């Protein structure tokens, strides 16, 4: 079947660098949550050829050291980390330049199964955590956003 656009969504946690939150070192926190609609492909051959592109940005500031921020993207999860399938992991090492805001950017792809699409929506979540073994405080300064686009077909 021809390529078919299904959906595009954006989740904004922080939209500027004027906002501030300490990134925890114990449990990843939810920073992005989108549900991509797949209903238009249900019951067609395209249901088994869905592909998803996910893009994220997290602005962080450090005080000292060279911490690592770990970003996880999950499919089929809830607001709780570990409740879905991790489809992408980014380990971003930050240089020891205190006070400077750095942007962690990523692009990920997913090829969900026809079963994943069967409910008419596939939920994707973005979580982040600072690595505990590195003794530096990481602050999320913004912007923080997460977006995804779903299409189906293979022609």
C-alpha atoms as a PDB file:
ATOM      1  CA  UNK A   1       0.000   0.000   0.000  1.00  0.00           C
ATOM      2  CA  UNK A   2       1.112   3.601  -0.489  1.00  0.00           C
ATOM      3  CA  UNK A   3       2.742   5.490   2.352  1.00  0.00           C
ATOM      4  CA  UNK A   4       0.146   6.949   4.674  1.00  0.00           C
ATOM      5  CA  UNK A   5       0.635   9.728   7.246  1.00  0.00           C
ATOM      6  CA  UNK A   6      -0.905   8.703  10.567  1.00  0.00           C
ATOM      7  CA  UNK A   7      -0.161  11.285  13.255  1.00  0.00           C
ATOM      8  CA  UNK A   8       2.258  13.819  14.719  1.00  0.00           C
ATOM      9  CA  UNK A   9       2.370  14.970  18.356  1.00  0.00           C
ATOM     10  CA  UNK A  10       4.498  17.242  20.562  1.00  0.00           C
ATOM     11  CA  UNK A  11       5.009  17.208  24.325  1.00  0.00           C
ATOM     12  CA  UNK A  12       6.616  20.334  25.858  1.00  0.00           C
ATOM     13  CA  UNK A  13       7.893  19.995  29.421  1.00  0.00           C
ATOM     14  CA  UNK A  14       9.765  23.325  29.427  1.00  0.00           C
ATOM     15  CA  UNK A  15       9.557  25.702  26.486  1.00  0.00           C
ATOM     16  CA  UNK A  16      12.398  28.050  27.452  1.00  0.00           C
ATOM     17  CA  UNK A  17      15.545  28.192  29.548  1.00  0.00           C
ATOM     18  CA  UNK A  18      13.821  30.285  32.227  1.00  0.00           C
ATOM     19  CA  UNK A  19      12.519  27.215  34.039  1.00  0.00           C
ATOM     20  CA  UNK A  20      14.504  25.021  36.390  1.00  0.00           C
ATOM     21  CA  UNK A  21      14.364  21.531  37.947  1.00  0.00           C
ATOM     22  CA  UNK A  22      17.024  19.340  39.572  1.00  0.00           C
ATOM     23  CA  UNK A  23      17.400  16.085  37.669  1.00  0.00           C
ATOM     24  CA  UNK A  24      17.180  13.205  40.159  1.00  0.00           C
ATOM     25  CA  UNK A  25      19.885  10.557  40.498  1.00  0.00           C
ATOM     26  CA  UNK A  26      17.711   7.708  41.741  1.00  0.00           C
ATOM     27  CA  UNK A  27      14.616   7.310  39.579  1.00  0.00           C
ATOM     28  CA  UNK A  28      14.170   8.604  36.026  1.00  0.00           C
ATOM     29  CA  UNK A  29      11.545  11.334  35.751  1.00  0.00           C
ATOM     30  CA  UNK A  30       8.939  11.707  33.035  1.00  0.00           C
ATOM     31  CA  UNK A  31       9.788  14.598  30.693  1.00  0.00           C
ATOM     32  CA  UNK A  32       7.721  13.748  27.603  1.00  0.00           C
ATOM     33  CA  UNK A  33       4.519  11.838  26.851  1.00  0.00           C
ATOM     34  CA  UNK A  34       2.814  11.442  23.463  1.00  0.00           C
ATOM     35  CA  UNK A  35       0.197   9.127  22.025  1.00  0.00           C
ATOM     36  CA  UNK A  36       0.464   8.558  18.281  1.00  0.00           C
ATOM     37  CA  UNK A  37      -2.781   7.594  16.577  1.00  0.00           C
ATOM     38  CA  UNK A  38      -2.668   4.451  14.420  1.00  0.00           C
ATOM     39  CA  UNK A  39      -6.410   3.914  13.865  1.00  0.00           C
ATOM     40  CA  UNK A  40      -6.254   4.878  10.165  1.00  0.00           C
ATOM     41  CA  UNK A  41      -4.006   1.865   9.466  1.00  0.00           C
ATOM     42  CA  UNK A  42      -6.007  -0.713  11.438  1.00  0.00           C
ATOM     43  CA  UNK A  43      -7.372  -3.585   9.388  1.00  0.00           C
ATOM     44  CA  UNK A  44      -5.208  -2.712   6.379  1.00  0.00           C
ATOM     45  CA  UNK A  45      -1.865  -4.148   5.233  1.00  0.00           C
ATOM     46  CA  UNK A  46      -0.305  -0.919   6.544  1.00  0.00           C
ATOM     47  CA  UNK A  47      -1.003  -2.003  10.123  1.00  0.00           C
ATOM     48  CA  UNK A  48       2.098  -4.194   9.990  1.00  0.00           C
ATOM     49  CA  UNK A  49       4.315  -1.556   8.362  1.00  0.00           C
ATOM     50  CA  UNK A  50       4.068   1.378  10.772  1.00  0.00           C
ATOM     51  CA  UNK A  51       7.200   3.349  11.444  1.00  0.00           C
ATOM     52  CA  UNK A  52       7.726   6.093  13.988  1.00  0.00           C
ATOM     53  CA  UNK A  53      10.270   8.892  14.215  1.00  0.00           C
ATOM     54  CA  UNK A  54      10.900  10.380  17.664  1.00  0.00           C
ATOM     55  CA  UNK A  55      12.895  13.530  18.388  1.00  0.00           C
ATOM     56  CA  UNK A  56      13.806  15.011  21.767  1.00  0.00           C
ATOM     57  CA  UNK A  57      15.710  17.911  23.307  1.00  0.00           C
ATOM     58  CA  UNK A  58      16.702  18.414  26.937  1.00  0.00           C
ATOM     59  CA  UNK A  59      18.529  21.556  28.087  1.00  0.00           C
ATOM     60  CA  UNK A  60      20.725  20.923  31.157  1.00  0.00           C
ATOM     61  CA  UNK A  61      23.136  22.928  33.303  1.00  0.00           C
ATOM     62  CA  UNK A  62      25.828  21.534  35.618  1.00  0.00           C
ATOM     63  CA  UNK A  63      27.586  23.026  38.641  1.00  0.00           C
ATOM     64  CA  UNK A  64      30.780  20.961  38.631  1.00  0.00           C
ATOM     65  CA  UNK A  65      32.280  17.677  37.528  1.00  0.00           C
ATOM     66  CA  UNK A  66      31.433  15.874  34.332  1.00  0.00           C
ATOM     67  CA  UNK A  67      28.095  14.174  34.928  1.00  0.00           C
ATOM     68  CA  UNK A  68      26.236  11.827  32.635  1.00  0.00           C
ATOM     69  CA  UNK A  69      22.548  12.205  31.821  1.00  0.00           C
ATOM     70  CA  UNK A  70      20.709   9.100  30.678  1.00  0.00           C
ATOM     71  CA  UNK A  71      17.601   9.517  28.526  1.00  0.00           C
ATOM     72  CA  UNK A  72      15.187   6.638  27.922  1.00  0.00           C
ATOM     73  CA  UNK A  73      12.349   6.396  25.397  1.00  0.00           C
ATOM     74  CA  UNK A  74       9.705   3.755  26.045  1.00  0.00           C
ATOM     75  CA  UNK A  75       6.872   2.355  23.938  1.00  0.00           C
ATOM     76  CA  UNK A  76       3.595   1.318  25.535  1.00  0.00           C
ATOM     77  CA  UNK A  77       4.316   2.728  28.968  1.00  0.00           C
ATOM     78  CA  UNK A  78       2.521   4.699  31.622  1.00  0.00           C
ATOM     79  CA  UNK A  79       3.870   7.621  33.662  1.00  0.00           C
ATOM     80  CA  UNK A  80       5.999   5.079  35.557  1.00  0.00           C
ATOM     81  CA  UNK A  81       9.510   4.328  34.342  1.00  0.00           C
ATOM     82  CA  UNK A  82       9.944   0.669  33.404  1.00  0.00           C
ATOM     83  CA  UNK A  83       6.283   0.090  32.584  1.00  0.00           C
ATOM     84  CA  UNK A  84       6.925  -0.119  28.836  1.00  0.00           C
ATOM     85  CA  UNK A  85       9.507  -1.375  26.372  1.00  0.00           C
ATOM     86  CA  UNK A  86      12.673   0.725  26.226  1.00  0.00           C
ATOM     87  CA  UNK A  87      13.325   1.372  22.538  1.00  0.00           C
ATOM     88  CA  UNK A  88      16.075   3.980  22.817  1.00  0.00           C
ATOM     89  CA  UNK A  89      18.720   5.028  25.360  1.00  0.00           C
ATOM     90  CA  UNK A  90      21.028   8.037  25.200  1.00  0.00           C
ATOM     91  CA  UNK A  91      23.954   8.437  27.601  1.00  0.00           C
ATOM     92  CA  UNK A  92      25.061  12.044  27.366  1.00  0.00           C
ATOM     93  CA  UNK A  93      28.383  12.900  28.996  1.00  0.00           C
ATOM     94  CA  UNK A  94      28.532  16.574  29.898  1.00  0.00           C
ATOM     95  CA  UNK A  95      31.820  18.504  29.854  1.00  0.00           C
ATOM     96  CA  UNK A  96      33.044  20.061  33.093  1.00  0.00           C
ATOM     97  CA  UNK A  97      32.050  23.612  32.218  1.00  0.00           C
ATOM     98  CA  UNK A  98      29.962  24.715  35.157  1.00  0.00           C
ATOM     99  CA  UNK A  99      27.053  27.030  34.524  1.00  0.00           C
ATOM    100  CA  UNK A 100      26.782  26.517  30.776  1.00  0.00           C
ATOM    101  CA  UNK A 101      23.543  25.120  29.409  1.00  0.00           C
ATOM    102  CA  UNK A 102      23.979  22.155  27.097  1.00  0.00           C
ATOM    103  CA  UNK A 103      21.359  20.720  24.784  1.00  0.00           C
ATOM    104  CA  UNK A 104      21.020  16.960  24.595  1.00  0.00           C
ATOM    105  CA  UNK A 105      19.321  16.125  21.289  1.00  0.00           C
ATOM    106  CA  UNK A 106      18.335  12.787  19.854  1.00  0.00           C
ATOM    107  CA  UNK A 107      16.443  11.215  16.996  1.00  0.00           C
ATOM    108  CA  UNK A 108      15.119   7.667  17.366  1.00  0.00           C
ATOM    109  CA  UNK A 109      13.146   5.339  15.139  1.00  0.00           C
ATOM    110  CA  UNK A 110      10.710   2.585  16.009  1.00  0.00           C
ATOM    111  CA  UNK A 111       9.014  -0.136  13.997  1.00  0.00           C
ATOM    112  CA  UNK A 112       6.129  -1.209  16.234  1.00  0.00           C
ATOM    113  CA  UNK A 113       4.339  -4.472  15.550  1.00  0.00           C
ATOM    114  CA  UNK A 114       0.787  -4.739  14.234  1.00  0.00           C
ATOM    115  CA  UNK A 115      -0.167  -5.814  17.761  1.00  0.00           C
ATOM    116  CA  UNK A 116       1.339  -2.615  19.222  1.00  0.00           C
ATOM    117  CA  UNK A 117      -0.837  -0.592  16.834  1.00  0.00           C
ATOM    118  CA  UNK A 118      -4.027  -2.624  17.384  1.00  0.00           C
ATOM    119  CA  UNK A 119      -5.476  -0.355  20.093  1.00  0.00           C
ATOM    120  CA  UNK A 120      -5.467   2.609  17.697  1.00  0.00           C
ATOM    121  CA  UNK A 121      -2.760   4.482  19.599  1.00  0.00           C
ATOM    122  CA  UNK A 122       0.851   3.871  20.568  1.00  0.00           C
ATOM    123  CA  UNK A 123       2.082   5.738  23.630  1.00  0.00           C
ATOM    124  CA  UNK A 124       5.707   6.882  23.846  1.00  0.00           C
ATOM    125  CA  UNK A 125       7.358   8.378  26.924  1.00  0.00           C
ATOM    126  CA  UNK A 126      10.702  10.100  27.511  1.00  0.00           C
ATOM    127  CA  UNK A 127      12.427   9.802  30.894  1.00  0.00           C
ATOM    128  CA  UNK A 128      15.769  11.135  32.154  1.00  0.00           C
ATOM    129  CA  UNK A 129      18.040  10.639  35.154  1.00  0.00           C
ATOM    130  CA  UNK A 130      21.507  11.836  36.221  1.00  0.00           C
ATOM    131  CA  UNK A 131      23.981   9.020  36.784  1.00  0.00           C
ATOM    132  CA  UNK A 132      24.356   8.495  40.526  1.00  0.00           C
ATOM    133  CA  UNK A 133      28.043   7.562  40.513  1.00  0.00           C
ATOM    134  CA  UNK A 134      29.036  10.991  39.225  1.00  0.00           C
ATOM    135  CA  UNK A 135      28.981  13.527  42.065  1.00  0.00           C
ATOM    136  CA  UNK A 136      27.562  16.548  40.305  1.00  0.00           C
ATOM    137  CA  UNK A 137      24.165  18.187  40.373  1.00  0.00           C
ATOM    138  CA  UNK A 138      22.411  18.452  37.018  1.00  0.00           C
ATOM    139  CA  UNK A 139      19.643  20.982  36.524  1.00  0.00           C
ATOM    140  CA  UNK A 140      17.136  20.868  33.699  1.00  0.00           C
ATOM    141  CA  UNK A 141      16.983  24.417  32.366  1.00  0.00           C
ATOM    142  CA  UNK A 142      14.966  23.964  29.226  1.00  0.00           C
ATOM    143  CA  UNK A 143      13.944  23.743  26.614  1.00  0.00           C
ATOM    144  CA  UNK A 144      12.620  20.204  27.025  1.00  0.00           C
ATOM    145  CA  UNK A 145      10.426  18.748  24.313  1.00  0.00           C
ATOM    146  CA  UNK A 146       9.573  15.392  22.795  1.00  0.00           C
ATOM    147  CA  UNK A 147       7.810  14.834  19.491  1.00  0.00           C
ATOM    148  CA  UNK A 148       6.899  11.963  17.253  1.00  0.00           C
ATOM    149  CA  UNK A 149       5.490  11.256  13.814  1.00  0.00           C
ATOM    150  CA  UNK A 150       3.921   7.996  12.636  1.00  0.00           C
ATOM    151  CA  UNK A 151       3.503   6.809   9.053  1.00  0.00           C
ATOM    152  CA  UNK A 152       2.669   3.452   7.499  1.00  0.00           C
ATOM    153  CA  UNK A 153       3.167   1.680   4.188  1.00  0.00           C
ATOM    154  CA  UNK A 154       6.205   0.726   2.200  1.00  0.00           C
ATOM    155  CA  UNK A 155       5.892   2.127  -1.306  1.00  0.00           C
END
